[in-house]
Amino acid sequence: MAEYTAEETLVIEVGSEYVSKSKPYKVKSKIGKKIQGIKKIVIGKGISSISESAFVDCASLCEVAVRI
């Protein structure tokens, strides 16, 4: 499990452990437990959806950006 500091930004891209391995690419559910302390998440190109509970337990999350 990766550990991050509260100041870091996490970029979630196709091919990362947080994304399904086949199309349509989707951010997996309940990744929040693995990325506690992250303040900003950037969703990379090619990801078509985010699971409803993906960021549960991300109390520090302030911003989610999407690359177009």
Protein backbone atom coordinates (compact mmCIF):
# COMPACT_ATOMS: atom_id res chain seq x y z
CA MET A 1 0.00 0.00 0.00
CA ALA A 2 1.34 3.40 -0.99
CA GLU A 3 1.68 6.15 1.57
CA TYR A 4 1.37 9.85 0.78
CA THR A 5 1.67 13.08 2.73
CA ALA A 6 -1.20 15.57 2.97
CA GLU A 7 0.66 17.98 0.66
CA GLU A 8 0.86 15.55 -2.23
CA THR A 9 -1.28 15.30 -5.32
CA LEU A 10 -2.19 11.84 -6.57
CA VAL A 11 -2.57 11.38 -10.35
CA ILE A 12 -4.82 8.44 -11.21
CA GLU A 13 -4.17 7.24 -14.76
CA VAL A 14 -5.06 4.28 -16.94
CA GLY A 15 -2.72 1.49 -15.90
CA SER A 16 -2.53 2.49 -12.24
CA GLU A 17 -3.53 0.13 -9.44
CA TYR A 18 -6.63 2.28 -8.78
CA VAL A 19 -8.17 1.81 -12.26
CA SER A 20 -9.89 -1.23 -13.78
CA LYS A 21 -7.69 -3.16 -16.17
CA SER A 22 -10.10 -3.13 -19.11
CA LYS A 23 -12.28 -0.65 -21.02
CA PRO A 24 -14.26 1.26 -20.12
CA TYR A 25 -11.67 2.35 -17.57
CA LYS A 26 -13.16 3.09 -14.16
CA VAL A 27 -11.65 4.27 -10.89
CA LYS A 28 -12.16 1.33 -8.54
CA SER A 29 -14.34 1.50 -5.45
CA LYS A 30 -13.09 2.23 -1.95
CA ILE A 31 -9.55 3.32 -2.79
CA GLY A 32 -9.89 5.99 -0.10
CA LYS A 33 -8.50 3.70 2.59
CA LYS A 34 -5.25 3.46 0.61
CA ILE A 35 -4.85 7.18 -0.04
CA GLN A 36 -5.78 8.86 3.23
CA GLY A 37 -4.19 12.28 3.63
CA ILE A 38 -4.31 13.21 -0.07
CA LYS A 39 -5.63 16.74 -0.68
CA LYS A 40 -5.85 16.70 -4.49
CA ILE A 41 -6.53 13.96 -7.02
CA VAL A 42 -6.08 14.35 -10.77
CA ILE A 43 -8.03 11.92 -12.95
CA GLY A 44 -6.11 11.16 -16.15
CA LYS A 45 -7.29 10.89 -19.74
CA GLY A 46 -9.18 7.78 -20.79
CA ILE A 47 -10.99 7.17 -17.51
CA SER A 48 -14.72 7.15 -18.14
CA SER A 49 -16.18 6.81 -14.63
CA ILE A 50 -15.50 6.79 -10.92
CA SER A 51 -17.09 4.29 -8.57
CA GLU A 52 -19.61 5.85 -6.21
CA SER A 53 -17.61 4.93 -3.11
CA ALA A 54 -14.12 5.46 -4.55
CA PHE A 55 -13.16 8.32 -2.24
CA VAL A 56 -14.90 7.20 0.94
CA ASP A 57 -12.53 7.75 3.88
CA CYS A 58 -10.69 10.60 2.10
CA ALA A 59 -11.44 13.21 4.76
CA SER A 60 -8.53 15.43 3.60
CA LEU A 61 -9.59 15.52 -0.06
CA CYS A 62 -10.26 19.12 -1.16
CA GLU A 63 -10.02 18.95 -4.94
CA VAL A 64 -10.57 16.53 -7.80
CA ALA A 65 -9.42 17.64 -11.26
CA VAL A 66 -9.92 15.91 -14.60
CA ARG A 67 -7.49 15.99 -17.53
CA ILE A 68 -9.36 16.33 -20.78
